[in-house]
Amino acid sequence: MDIYVTEIKIENDEMKLFTDKTTAGMTLANRMIVDSDNFSFIYLLDDGEMFKRLHFVQETWSMLEDHKGKQMIVNDDIVLTDFWDELNDLLENIEGNNNYGQAFEEAVVSVLRQ
């Protein structure tokens, strides 16, 4: 199942993320992947039966860059404790790597800097 971040609010040192579907009862899968065809970073959540894909589409990337390091809370249910480490690992891998496609790499590098 795909879940999309539809709204981000900044409160103090927190990024409050709101989604198009519930995340109640889900836990962290401690893994992030990308959908380079649709320009999305995907954080994996586990509902106990299968992984759910939490999408951060390109329109959210500037907020991620502007508020790097803030604690991220999804729907008041889940704290993404390792989000920034996972994202940084991906960013290191994407830059200069043609496996993700040139357009995706260029978009990522132009918005998300390490």
PDB file of N, CA and C in Angstrom:
ATOM      1  N   MET A   1       0.846  -1.183   0.000  1.00  0.00           N
ATOM      2  CA  MET A   1       0.000   0.000   0.000  1.00  0.00           C
ATOM      3  C   MET A   1       0.883   1.235   0.000  1.00  0.00           C
ATOM      4  N   ASP A   2       0.483   2.200  -0.753  1.00  0.00           N
ATOM      5  CA  ASP A   2       1.194   3.468  -0.831  1.00  0.00           C
ATOM      6  C   ASP A   2       0.486   4.503   0.022  1.00  0.00           C
ATOM      7  N   ILE A   3       1.281   5.205   0.816  1.00  0.00           N
ATOM      8  CA  ILE A   3       0.799   6.286   1.674  1.00  0.00           C
ATOM      9  C   ILE A   3       1.601   7.526   1.283  1.00  0.00           C
ATOM     10  N   TYR A   4       0.923   8.632   1.076  1.00  0.00           N
ATOM     11  CA  TYR A   4       1.604   9.851   0.638  1.00  0.00           C
ATOM     12  C   TYR A   4       1.547  10.931   1.710  1.00  0.00           C
ATOM     13  N   VAL A   5       2.693  11.576   1.922  1.00  0.00           N
ATOM     14  CA  VAL A   5       2.734  12.752   2.784  1.00  0.00           C
ATOM     15  C   VAL A   5       2.036  13.865   2.020  1.00  0.00           C
ATOM     16  N   THR A   6       0.960  14.386   2.603  1.00  0.00           N
ATOM     17  CA  THR A   6       0.164  15.412   1.924  1.00  0.00           C
ATOM     18  C   THR A   6       0.321  16.795   2.537  1.00  0.00           C
ATOM     19  N   GLU A   7       0.841  16.835   3.766  1.00  0.00           N
ATOM     20  CA  GLU A   7       1.001  18.119   4.453  1.00  0.00           C
ATOM     21  C   GLU A   7       2.148  18.003   5.452  1.00  0.00           C
ATOM     22  N   ILE A   8       2.909  19.076   5.557  1.00  0.00           N
ATOM     23  CA  ILE A   8       3.998  19.145   6.525  1.00  0.00           C
ATOM     24  C   ILE A   8       3.848  20.445   7.298  1.00  0.00           C
ATOM     25  N   LYS A   9       3.849  20.342   8.624  1.00  0.00           N
ATOM     26  CA  LYS A   9       3.806  21.522   9.486  1.00  0.00           C
ATOM     27  C   LYS A   9       5.043  21.513  10.365  1.00  0.00           C
ATOM     28  N   ILE A  10       5.609  22.691  10.553  1.00  0.00           N
ATOM     29  CA  ILE A  10       6.777  22.837  11.411  1.00  0.00           C
ATOM     30  C   ILE A  10       6.320  23.431  12.729  1.00  0.00           C
ATOM     31  N   GLU A  11       6.611  22.727  13.807  1.00  0.00           N
ATOM     32  CA  GLU A  11       6.299  23.208  15.148  1.00  0.00           C
ATOM     33  C   GLU A  11       7.524  22.997  16.020  1.00  0.00           C
ATOM     34  N   ASN A  12       8.115  24.099  16.459  1.00  0.00           N
ATOM     35  CA  ASN A  12       9.347  24.056  17.257  1.00  0.00           C
ATOM     36  C   ASN A  12      10.409  23.293  16.479  1.00  0.00           C
ATOM     37  N   ASP A  13      10.944  22.226  17.039  1.00  0.00           N
ATOM     38  CA  ASP A  13      11.971  21.447  16.345  1.00  0.00           C
ATOM     39  C   ASP A  13      11.411  20.164  15.753  1.00  0.00           C
ATOM     40  N   GLU A  14      10.139  20.181  15.388  1.00  0.00           N
ATOM     41  CA  GLU A  14       9.497  18.992  14.852  1.00  0.00           C
ATOM     42  C   GLU A  14       8.880  19.276  13.487  1.00  0.00           C
ATOM     43  N   MET A  15       8.958  18.269  12.635  1.00  0.00           N
ATOM     44  CA  MET A  15       8.224  18.277  11.377  1.00  0.00           C
ATOM     45  C   MET A  15       7.055  17.325  11.578  1.00  0.00           C
ATOM     46  N   LYS A  16       5.856  17.868  11.544  1.00  0.00           N
ATOM     47  CA  LYS A  16       4.659  17.045  11.685  1.00  0.00           C
ATOM     48  C   LYS A  16       4.157  16.717  10.285  1.00  0.00           C
ATOM     49  N   LEU A  17       4.147  15.436   9.984  1.00  0.00           N
ATOM     50  CA  LEU A  17       3.764  14.956   8.669  1.00  0.00           C
ATOM     51  C   LEU A  17       2.361  14.380   8.724  1.00  0.00           C
ATOM     52  N   PHE A  18       1.550  14.737   7.751  1.00  0.00           N
ATOM     53  CA  PHE A  18       0.196  14.226   7.662  1.00  0.00           C
ATOM     54  C   PHE A  18       0.048  13.514   6.325  1.00  0.00           C
ATOM     55  N   THR A  19      -0.697  12.410   6.343  1.00  0.00           N
ATOM     56  CA  THR A  19      -0.770  11.548   5.169  1.00  0.00           C
ATOM     57  C   THR A  19      -2.202  11.338   4.689  1.00  0.00           C
ATOM     58  N   ASP A  20      -2.305  10.755   3.510  1.00  0.00           N
ATOM     59  CA  ASP A  20      -3.609  10.499   2.909  1.00  0.00           C
ATOM     60  C   ASP A  20      -4.273   9.231   3.450  1.00  0.00           C
ATOM     61  N   LYS A  21      -3.531   8.420   4.220  1.00  0.00           N
ATOM     62  CA  LYS A  21      -4.081   7.202   4.817  1.00  0.00           C
ATOM     63  C   LYS A  21      -3.561   7.091   6.246  1.00  0.00           C
ATOM     64  N   THR A  22      -4.238   6.329   7.061  1.00  0.00           N
ATOM     65  CA  THR A  22      -3.823   6.153   8.445  1.00  0.00           C
ATOM     66  C   THR A  22      -2.505   5.384   8.550  1.00  0.00           C
ATOM     67  N   THR A  23      -1.757   5.684   9.585  1.00  0.00           N
ATOM     68  CA  THR A  23      -0.534   4.949   9.890  1.00  0.00           C
ATOM     69  C   THR A  23      -0.620   4.321  11.284  1.00  0.00           C
ATOM     70  N   ALA A  24      -1.800   4.346  11.880  1.00  0.00           N
ATOM     71  CA  ALA A  24      -1.994   3.806  13.224  1.00  0.00           C
ATOM     72  C   ALA A  24      -1.593   2.334  13.265  1.00  0.00           C
ATOM     73  N   GLY A  25      -0.846   1.969  14.293  1.00  0.00           N
ATOM     74  CA  GLY A  25      -0.430   0.589  14.496  1.00  0.00           C
ATOM     75  C   GLY A  25       0.787   0.167  13.695  1.00  0.00           C
ATOM     76  N   MET A  26       1.301   1.037  12.860  1.00  0.00           N
ATOM     77  CA  MET A  26       2.477   0.687  12.057  1.00  0.00           C
ATOM     78  C   MET A  26       3.749   0.982  12.835  1.00  0.00           C
ATOM     79  N   THR A  27       4.807   0.285  12.476  1.00  0.00           N
ATOM     80  CA  THR A  27       6.111   0.488  13.099  1.00  0.00           C
ATOM     81  C   THR A  27       7.143   0.767  12.010  1.00  0.00           C
ATOM     82  N   LEU A  28       8.306   1.206  12.431  1.00  0.00           N
ATOM     83  CA  LEU A  28       9.389   1.517  11.507  1.00  0.00           C
ATOM     84  C   LEU A  28       9.985   0.237  10.939  1.00  0.00           C
ATOM     85  N   ALA A  29      10.264   0.248   9.657  1.00  0.00           N
ATOM     86  CA  ALA A  29      10.993  -0.852   9.029  1.00  0.00           C
ATOM     87  C   ALA A  29      12.478  -0.498   8.923  1.00  0.00           C
ATOM     88  N   ASN A  30      12.826   0.732   9.319  1.00  0.00           N
ATOM     89  CA  ASN A  30      14.210   1.208   9.319  1.00  0.00           C
ATOM     90  C   ASN A  30      14.891   1.058   7.966  1.00  0.00           C
ATOM     91  N   ARG A  31      14.151   1.430   6.937  1.00  0.00           N
ATOM     92  CA  ARG A  31      14.693   1.320   5.589  1.00  0.00           C
ATOM     93  C   ARG A  31      14.026   2.340   4.686  1.00  0.00           C
ATOM     94  N   MET A  32      14.833   2.940   3.807  1.00  0.00           N
ATOM     95  CA  MET A  32      14.326   3.895   2.842  1.00  0.00           C
ATOM     96  C   MET A  32      14.814   3.481   1.458  1.00  0.00           C
ATOM     97  N   ILE A  33      13.922   3.604   0.492  1.00  0.00           N
ATOM     98  CA  ILE A  33      14.234   3.305  -0.894  1.00  0.00           C
ATOM     99  C   ILE A  33      13.758   4.483  -1.746  1.00  0.00           C
ATOM    100  N   VAL A  34      13.963   4.389  -3.056  1.00  0.00           N
ATOM    101  CA  VAL A  34      13.488   5.449  -3.947  1.00  0.00           C
ATOM    102  C   VAL A  34      12.651   4.859  -5.068  1.00  0.00           C
ATOM    103  N   ASP A  35      11.786   5.685  -5.605  1.00  0.00           N
ATOM    104  CA  ASP A  35      11.083   5.412  -6.852  1.00  0.00           C
ATOM    105  C   ASP A  35      11.576   6.492  -7.800  1.00  0.00           C
ATOM    106  N   SER A  36      12.645   6.184  -8.519  1.00  0.00           N
ATOM    107  CA  SER A  36      13.274   7.205  -9.363  1.00  0.00           C
ATOM    108  C   SER A  36      12.420   7.558 -10.570  1.00  0.00           C
ATOM    109  N   ASP A  37      11.514   6.667 -10.989  1.00  0.00           N
ATOM    110  CA  ASP A  37      10.632   6.982 -12.112  1.00  0.00           C
ATOM    111  C   ASP A  37       9.603   8.041 -11.731  1.00  0.00           C
ATOM    112  N   ASN A  38       9.154   8.010 -10.472  1.00  0.00           N
ATOM    113  CA  ASN A  38       8.130   8.951 -10.002  1.00  0.00           C
ATOM    114  C   ASN A  38       8.686   9.996  -9.033  1.00  0.00           C
ATOM    115  N   PHE A  39      10.015  10.097  -8.953  1.00  0.00           N
ATOM    116  CA  PHE A  39      10.698  11.117  -8.157  1.00  0.00           C
ATOM    117  C   PHE A  39      10.173  11.132  -6.715  1.00  0.00           C
ATOM    118  N   SER A  40      10.343  10.010  -6.040  1.00  0.00           N
ATOM    119  CA  SER A  40       9.832   9.875  -4.680  1.00  0.00           C
ATOM    120  C   SER A  40      10.815   9.110  -3.806  1.00  0.00           C
ATOM    121  N   PHE A  41      11.038   9.627  -2.602  1.00  0.00           N
ATOM    122  CA  PHE A  41      11.744   8.868  -1.575  1.00  0.00           C
ATOM    123  C   PHE A  41      10.680   8.115  -0.795  1.00  0.00           C
ATOM    124  N   ILE A  42      10.943   6.865  -0.480  1.00  0.00           N
ATOM    125  CA  ILE A  42       9.946   6.014   0.162  1.00  0.00           C
ATOM    126  C   ILE A  42      10.514   5.449   1.451  1.00  0.00           C
ATOM    127  N   TYR A  43       9.865   5.785   2.552  1.00  0.00           N
ATOM    128  CA  TYR A  43      10.244   5.234   3.853  1.00  0.00           C
ATOM    129  C   TYR A  43       9.317   4.050   4.118  1.00  0.00           C
ATOM    130  N   LEU A  44       9.895   2.905   4.448  1.00  0.00           N
ATOM    131  CA  LEU A  44       9.088   1.704   4.649  1.00  0.00           C
ATOM    132  C   LEU A  44       8.583   1.605   6.081  1.00  0.00           C
ATOM    133  N   LEU A  45       7.297   1.330   6.186  1.00  0.00           N
ATOM    134  CA  LEU A  45       6.643   1.090   7.463  1.00  0.00           C
ATOM    135  C   LEU A  45       6.132  -0.348   7.462  1.00  0.00           C
ATOM    136  N   ASP A  46       5.957  -0.906   8.640  1.00  0.00           N
ATOM    137  CA  ASP A  46       5.510  -2.292   8.776  1.00  0.00           C
ATOM    138  C   ASP A  46       4.203  -2.313   9.563  1.00  0.00           C
ATOM    139  N   ASP A  47       3.181  -2.960   8.995  1.00  0.00           N
ATOM    140  CA  ASP A  47       1.906  -3.064   9.707  1.00  0.00           C
ATOM    141  C   ASP A  47       1.743  -4.422  10.391  1.00  0.00           C
ATOM    142  N   GLY A  48       2.822  -5.215  10.430  1.00  0.00           N
ATOM    143  CA  GLY A  48       2.789  -6.529  11.044  1.00  0.00           C
ATOM    144  C   GLY A  48       2.547  -7.637  10.044  1.00  0.00           C
ATOM    145  N   GLU A  49       2.042  -7.285   8.881  1.00  0.00           N
ATOM    146  CA  GLU A  49       1.784  -8.266   7.828  1.00  0.00           C
ATOM    147  C   GLU A  49       2.582  -7.987   6.564  1.00  0.00           C
ATOM    148  N   MET A  50       2.757  -6.710   6.275  1.00  0.00           N
ATOM    149  CA  MET A  50       3.484  -6.332   5.066  1.00  0.00           C
ATOM    150  C   MET A  50       4.022  -4.908   5.204  1.00  0.00           C
ATOM    151  N   PHE A  51       4.947  -4.572   4.300  1.00  0.00           N
ATOM    152  CA  PHE A  51       5.486  -3.221   4.278  1.00  0.00           C
ATOM    153  C   PHE A  51       4.495  -2.277   3.609  1.00  0.00           C
ATOM    154  N   LYS A  52       4.434  -1.073   4.149  1.00  0.00           N
ATOM    155  CA  LYS A  52       3.681   0.028   3.556  1.00  0.00           C
ATOM    156  C   LYS A  52       4.702   1.074   3.130  1.00  0.00           C
ATOM    157  N   ARG A  53       4.442   1.741   2.026  1.00  0.00           N
ATOM    158  CA  ARG A  53       5.399   2.693   1.463  1.00  0.00           C
ATOM    159  C   ARG A  53       4.949   4.127   1.725  1.00  0.00           C
ATOM    160  N   LEU A  54       5.703   4.826   2.562  1.00  0.00           N
ATOM    161  CA  LEU A  54       5.422   6.227   2.878  1.00  0.00           C
ATOM    162  C   LEU A  54       6.218   7.094   1.901  1.00  0.00           C
ATOM    163  N   HIS A  55       5.505   7.777   1.003  1.00  0.00           N
ATOM    164  CA  HIS A  55       6.138   8.535  -0.081  1.00  0.00           C
ATOM    165  C   HIS A  55       6.385   9.998   0.295  1.00  0.00           C
ATOM    166  N   PHE A  56       7.601  10.431  -0.019  1.00  0.00           N
ATOM    167  CA  PHE A  56       7.969  11.838   0.023  1.00  0.00           C
ATOM    168  C   PHE A  56       8.221  12.245  -1.423  1.00  0.00           C
ATOM    169  N   VAL A  57       7.188  12.805  -2.068  1.00  0.00           N
ATOM    170  CA  VAL A  57       7.290  13.184  -3.478  1.00  0.00           C
ATOM    171  C   VAL A  57       8.154  14.432  -3.620  1.00  0.00           C
ATOM    172  N   GLN A  58       8.523  14.731  -4.841  1.00  0.00           N
ATOM    173  CA  GLN A  58       9.450  15.828  -5.121  1.00  0.00           C
ATOM    174  C   GLN A  58       8.998  17.156  -4.517  1.00  0.00           C
ATOM    175  N   GLU A  59       7.717  17.392  -4.452  1.00  0.00           N
ATOM    176  CA  GLU A  59       7.212  18.656  -3.906  1.00  0.00           C
ATOM    177  C   GLU A  59       7.530  18.816  -2.409  1.00  0.00           C
ATOM    178  N   THR A  60       7.862  17.731  -1.730  1.00  0.00           N
ATOM    179  CA  THR A  60       8.193  17.814  -0.299  1.00  0.00           C
ATOM    180  C   THR A  60       9.690  17.993  -0.049  1.00  0.00           C
ATOM    181  N   TRP A  61      10.506  17.802  -1.050  1.00  0.00           N
ATOM    182  CA  TRP A  61      11.956  17.792  -0.856  1.00  0.00           C
ATOM    183  C   TRP A  61      12.507  19.100  -0.315  1.00  0.00           C
ATOM    184  N   SER A  62      11.991  20.227  -0.773  1.00  0.00           N
ATOM    185  CA  SER A  62      12.523  21.512  -0.289  1.00  0.00           C
ATOM    186  C   SER A  62      12.252  21.675   1.208  1.00  0.00           C
ATOM    187  N   MET A  63      11.118  21.177   1.687  1.00  0.00           N
ATOM    188  CA  MET A  63      10.834  21.219   3.132  1.00  0.00           C
ATOM    189  C   MET A  63      11.826  20.348   3.886  1.00  0.00           C
ATOM    190  N   LEU A  64      12.154  19.203   3.316  1.00  0.00           N
ATOM    191  CA  LEU A  64      13.143  18.324   3.946  1.00  0.00           C
ATOM    192  C   LEU A  64      14.501  19.032   4.033  1.00  0.00           C
ATOM    193  N   GLU A  65      14.867  19.684   2.965  1.00  0.00           N
ATOM    194  CA  GLU A  65      16.155  20.393   2.951  1.00  0.00           C
ATOM    195  C   GLU A  65      16.152  21.559   3.938  1.00  0.00           C
ATOM    196  N   ASP A  66      15.072  22.323   3.965  1.00  0.00           N
ATOM    197  CA  ASP A  66      14.999  23.502   4.823  1.00  0.00           C
ATOM    198  C   ASP A  66      14.938  23.162   6.312  1.00  0.00           C
ATOM    199  N   HIS A  67      14.486  21.976   6.641  1.00  0.00           N
ATOM    200  CA  HIS A  67      14.295  21.609   8.047  1.00  0.00           C
ATOM    201  C   HIS A  67      15.053  20.335   8.402  1.00  0.00           C
ATOM    202  N   LYS A  68      16.185  20.169   7.751  1.00  0.00           N
ATOM    203  CA  LYS A  68      17.028  18.996   7.947  1.00  0.00           C
ATOM    204  C   LYS A  68      17.370  18.806   9.425  1.00  0.00           C
ATOM    205  N   GLY A  69      17.229  17.582   9.882  1.00  0.00           N
ATOM    206  CA  GLY A  69      17.610  17.235  11.243  1.00  0.00           C
ATOM    207  C   GLY A  69      16.491  17.322  12.263  1.00  0.00           C
ATOM    208  N   LYS A  70      15.372  17.936  11.906  1.00  0.00           N
ATOM    209  CA  LYS A  70      14.263  18.029  12.857  1.00  0.00           C
ATOM    210  C   LYS A  70      13.634  16.654  13.062  1.00  0.00           C
ATOM    211  N   GLN A  71      13.087  16.452  14.241  1.00  0.00           N
ATOM    212  CA  GLN A  71      12.369  15.217  14.510  1.00  0.00           C
ATOM    213  C   GLN A  71      11.127  15.165  13.619  1.00  0.00           C
ATOM    214  N   MET A  72      10.868  13.987  13.044  1.00  0.00           N
ATOM    215  CA  MET A  72       9.742  13.824  12.123  1.00  0.00           C
ATOM    216  C   MET A  72       8.702  12.912  12.756  1.00  0.00           C
ATOM    217  N   ILE A  73       7.461  13.413  12.798  1.00  0.00           N
ATOM    218  CA  ILE A  73       6.367  12.665  13.407  1.00  0.00           C
ATOM    219  C   ILE A  73       5.254  12.522  12.369  1.00  0.00           C
ATOM    220  N   VAL A  74       4.850  11.272  12.109  1.00  0.00           N
ATOM    221  CA  VAL A  74       3.822  10.987  11.117  1.00  0.00           C
ATOM    222  C   VAL A  74       2.487  10.793  11.817  1.00  0.00           C
ATOM    223  N   ASN A  75       1.517  11.641  11.479  1.00  0.00           N
ATOM    224  CA  ASN A  75       0.138  11.521  11.984  1.00  0.00           C
ATOM    225  C   ASN A  75       0.063  11.345  13.507  1.00  0.00           C
ATOM    226  N   ASP A  76       0.983  11.904  14.233  1.00  0.00           N
ATOM    227  CA  ASP A  76       1.049  11.754  15.691  1.00  0.00           C
ATOM    228  C   ASP A  76       1.167  10.298  16.131  1.00  0.00           C
ATOM    229  N   ASP A  77       1.470   9.380  15.192  1.00  0.00           N
ATOM    230  CA  ASP A  77       1.563   7.954  15.487  1.00  0.00           C
ATOM    231  C   ASP A  77       2.995   7.447  15.564  1.00  0.00           C
ATOM    232  N   ILE A  78       3.829   7.908  14.644  1.00  0.00           N
ATOM    233  CA  ILE A  78       5.144   7.313  14.443  1.00  0.00           C
ATOM    234  C   ILE A  78       6.208   8.405  14.403  1.00  0.00           C
ATOM    235  N   VAL A  79       7.290   8.197  15.132  1.00  0.00           N
ATOM    236  CA  VAL A  79       8.458   9.071  15.052  1.00  0.00           C
ATOM    237  C   VAL A  79       9.473   8.375  14.148  1.00  0.00           C
ATOM    238  N   LEU A  80       9.867   9.043  13.088  1.00  0.00           N
ATOM    239  CA  LEU A  80      10.838   8.475  12.151  1.00  0.00           C
ATOM    240  C   LEU A  80      12.248   8.705  12.692  1.00  0.00           C
ATOM    241  N   THR A  81      12.655   7.865  13.620  1.00  0.00           N
ATOM    242  CA  THR A  81      13.898   8.081  14.369  1.00  0.00           C
ATOM    243  C   THR A  81      15.154   8.020  13.509  1.00  0.00           C
ATOM    244  N   ASP A  82      15.167   7.228  12.465  1.00  0.00           N
ATOM    245  CA  ASP A  82      16.375   7.097  11.648  1.00  0.00           C
ATOM    246  C   ASP A  82      16.221   7.696  10.248  1.00  0.00           C
ATOM    247  N   PHE A  83      15.224   8.531  10.055  1.00  0.00           N
ATOM    248  CA  PHE A  83      14.944   9.098   8.739  1.00  0.00           C
ATOM    249  C   PHE A  83      16.155   9.798   8.142  1.00  0.00           C
ATOM    250  N   TRP A  84      16.782  10.674   8.907  1.00  0.00           N
ATOM    251  CA  TRP A  84      17.870  11.488   8.352  1.00  0.00           C
ATOM    252  C   TRP A  84      19.090  10.643   8.008  1.00  0.00           C
ATOM    253  N   ASP A  85      19.400   9.638   8.810  1.00  0.00           N
ATOM    254  CA  ASP A  85      20.512   8.736   8.483  1.00  0.00           C
ATOM    255  C   ASP A  85      20.217   7.969   7.197  1.00  0.00           C
ATOM    256  N   GLU A  86      18.999   7.462   7.087  1.00  0.00           N
ATOM    257  CA  GLU A  86      18.606   6.718   5.887  1.00  0.00           C
ATOM    258  C   GLU A  86      18.657   7.614   4.651  1.00  0.00           C
ATOM    259  N   LEU A  87      18.131   8.832   4.773  1.00  0.00           N
ATOM    260  CA  LEU A  87      18.138   9.752   3.640  1.00  0.00           C
ATOM    261  C   LEU A  87      19.565  10.112   3.242  1.00  0.00           C
ATOM    262  N   ASN A  88      20.412  10.415   4.207  1.00  0.00           N
ATOM    263  CA  ASN A  88      21.804  10.760   3.893  1.00  0.00           C
ATOM    264  C   ASN A  88      22.530   9.621   3.202  1.00  0.00           C
ATOM    265  N   ASP A  89      22.283   8.385   3.637  1.00  0.00           N
ATOM    266  CA  ASP A  89      22.898   7.234   2.968  1.00  0.00           C
ATOM    267  C   ASP A  89      22.458   7.160   1.506  1.00  0.00           C
ATOM    268  N   LEU A  90      21.180   7.378   1.270  1.00  0.00           N
ATOM    269  CA  LEU A  90      20.681   7.364  -0.111  1.00  0.00           C
ATOM    270  C   LEU A  90      21.284   8.498  -0.932  1.00  0.00           C
ATOM    271  N   LEU A  91      21.346   9.685  -0.356  1.00  0.00           N
ATOM    272  CA  LEU A  91      21.888  10.832  -1.090  1.00  0.00           C
ATOM    273  C   LEU A  91      23.335  10.586  -1.507  1.00  0.00           C
ATOM    274  N   GLU A  92      24.110   9.980  -0.627  1.00  0.00           N
ATOM    275  CA  GLU A  92      25.504   9.650  -0.964  1.00  0.00           C
ATOM    276  C   GLU A  92      25.550   8.670  -2.132  1.00  0.00           C
ATOM    277  N   ASN A  93      24.629   7.753  -2.154  1.00  0.00           N
ATOM    278  CA  ASN A  93      24.602   6.737  -3.201  1.00  0.00           C
ATOM    279  C   ASN A  93      24.075   7.289  -4.529  1.00  0.00           C
ATOM    280  N   ILE A  94      23.176   8.235  -4.477  1.00  0.00           N
ATOM    281  CA  ILE A  94      22.550   8.756  -5.693  1.00  0.00           C
ATOM    282  C   ILE A  94      23.495   9.658  -6.478  1.00  0.00           C
ATOM    283  N   GLU A  95      24.206  10.526  -5.780  1.00  0.00           N
ATOM    284  CA  GLU A  95      25.062  11.493  -6.475  1.00  0.00           C
ATOM    285  C   GLU A  95      26.134  10.776  -7.287  1.00  0.00           C
ATOM    286  N   GLY A  96      26.133  11.037  -8.590  1.00  0.00           N
ATOM    287  CA  GLY A  96      27.104  10.446  -9.498  1.00  0.00           C
ATOM    288  C   GLY A  96      26.785   9.016  -9.905  1.00  0.00           C
ATOM    289  N   ASN A  97      25.613   8.523  -9.535  1.00  0.00           N
ATOM    290  CA  ASN A  97      25.241   7.141  -9.827  1.00  0.00           C
ATOM    291  C   ASN A  97      24.147   7.127 -10.901  1.00  0.00           C
ATOM    292  N   ASN A  98      24.496   6.681 -12.084  1.00  0.00           N
ATOM    293  CA  ASN A  98      23.550   6.684 -13.205  1.00  0.00           C
ATOM    294  C   ASN A  98      22.462   5.629 -13.088  1.00  0.00           C
ATOM    295  N   ASN A  99      22.556   4.740 -12.115  1.00  0.00           N
ATOM    296  CA  ASN A  99      21.532   3.707 -11.953  1.00  0.00           C
ATOM    297  C   ASN A  99      20.161   4.298 -11.616  1.00  0.00           C
ATOM    298  N   TYR A 100      20.129   5.485 -11.064  1.00  0.00           N
ATOM    299  CA  TYR A 100      18.864   6.114 -10.693  1.00  0.00           C
ATOM    300  C   TYR A 100      18.261   6.934 -11.825  1.00  0.00           C
ATOM    301  N   GLY A 101      19.000   7.108 -12.879  1.00  0.00           N
ATOM    302  CA  GLY A 101      18.559   7.931 -14.003  1.00  0.00           C
ATOM    303  C   GLY A 101      19.048   9.353 -13.836  1.00  0.00           C
ATOM    304  N   GLN A 102      19.476   9.943 -14.925  1.00  0.00           N
ATOM    305  CA  GLN A 102      20.058  11.279 -14.888  1.00  0.00           C
ATOM    306  C   GLN A 102      19.075  12.334 -14.390  1.00  0.00           C
ATOM    307  N   ALA A 103      17.830  12.278 -14.837  1.00  0.00           N
ATOM    308  CA  ALA A 103      16.847  13.292 -14.434  1.00  0.00           C
ATOM    309  C   ALA A 103      16.596  13.244 -12.931  1.00  0.00           C
ATOM    310  N   PHE A 104      16.480  12.043 -12.377  1.00  0.00           N
ATOM    311  CA  PHE A 104      16.254  11.913 -10.933  1.00  0.00           C
ATOM    312  C   PHE A 104      17.473  12.416 -10.162  1.00  0.00           C
ATOM    313  N   GLU A 105      18.649  11.984 -10.581  1.00  0.00           N
ATOM    314  CA  GLU A 105      19.871  12.421  -9.905  1.00  0.00           C
ATOM    315  C   GLU A 105      19.992  13.940  -9.912  1.00  0.00           C
ATOM    316  N   GLU A 106      19.756  14.559 -11.049  1.00  0.00           N
ATOM    317  CA  GLU A 106      19.851  16.017 -11.153  1.00  0.00           C
ATOM    318  C   GLU A 106      18.829  16.706 -10.260  1.00  0.00           C
ATOM    319  N   ALA A 107      17.612  16.180 -10.207  1.00  0.00           N
ATOM    320  CA  ALA A 107      16.571  16.764  -9.357  1.00  0.00           C
ATOM    321  C   ALA A 107      16.955  16.659  -7.888  1.00  0.00           C
ATOM    322  N   VAL A 108      17.464  15.513  -7.486  1.00  0.00           N
ATOM    323  CA  VAL A 108      17.855  15.298  -6.100  1.00  0.00           C
ATOM    324  C   VAL A 108      18.996  16.241  -5.720  1.00  0.00           C
ATOM    325  N   VAL A 109      20.021  16.280  -6.531  1.00  0.00           N
ATOM    326  CA  VAL A 109      21.199  17.103  -6.238  1.00  0.00           C
ATOM    327  C   VAL A 109      20.845  18.585  -6.212  1.00  0.00           C
ATOM    328  N   SER A 110      19.886  19.012  -7.047  1.00  0.00           N
ATOM    329  CA  SER A 110      19.539  20.431  -7.104  1.00  0.00           C
ATOM    330  C   SER A 110      18.769  20.901  -5.862  1.00  0.00           C
ATOM    331  N   VAL A 111      18.103  19.975  -5.158  1.00  0.00           N
ATOM    332  CA  VAL A 111      17.292  20.361  -4.004  1.00  0.00           C
ATOM    333  C   VAL A 111      17.885  19.888  -2.691  1.00  0.00           C
ATOM    334  N   LEU A 112      18.324  18.644  -2.651  1.00  0.00           N
ATOM    335  CA  LEU A 112      18.812  18.055  -1.391  1.00  0.00           C
ATOM    336  C   LEU A 112      20.328  18.026  -1.390  1.00  0.00           C
ATOM    337  N   ARG A 113      20.906  18.844  -0.556  1.00  0.00           N
ATOM    338  CA  ARG A 113      22.366  18.903  -0.439  1.00  0.00           C
ATOM    339  C   ARG A 113      22.754  18.286   0.890  1.00  0.00           C
ATOM    340  N   GLN A 114      23.888  17.670   0.931  1.00  0.00           N
ATOM    341  CA  GLN A 114      24.306  17.031   2.181  1.00  0.00           C
ATOM    342  C   GLN A 114      25.003  17.974   3.082  1.00  0.00           C
TER     343      GLN A 114
END
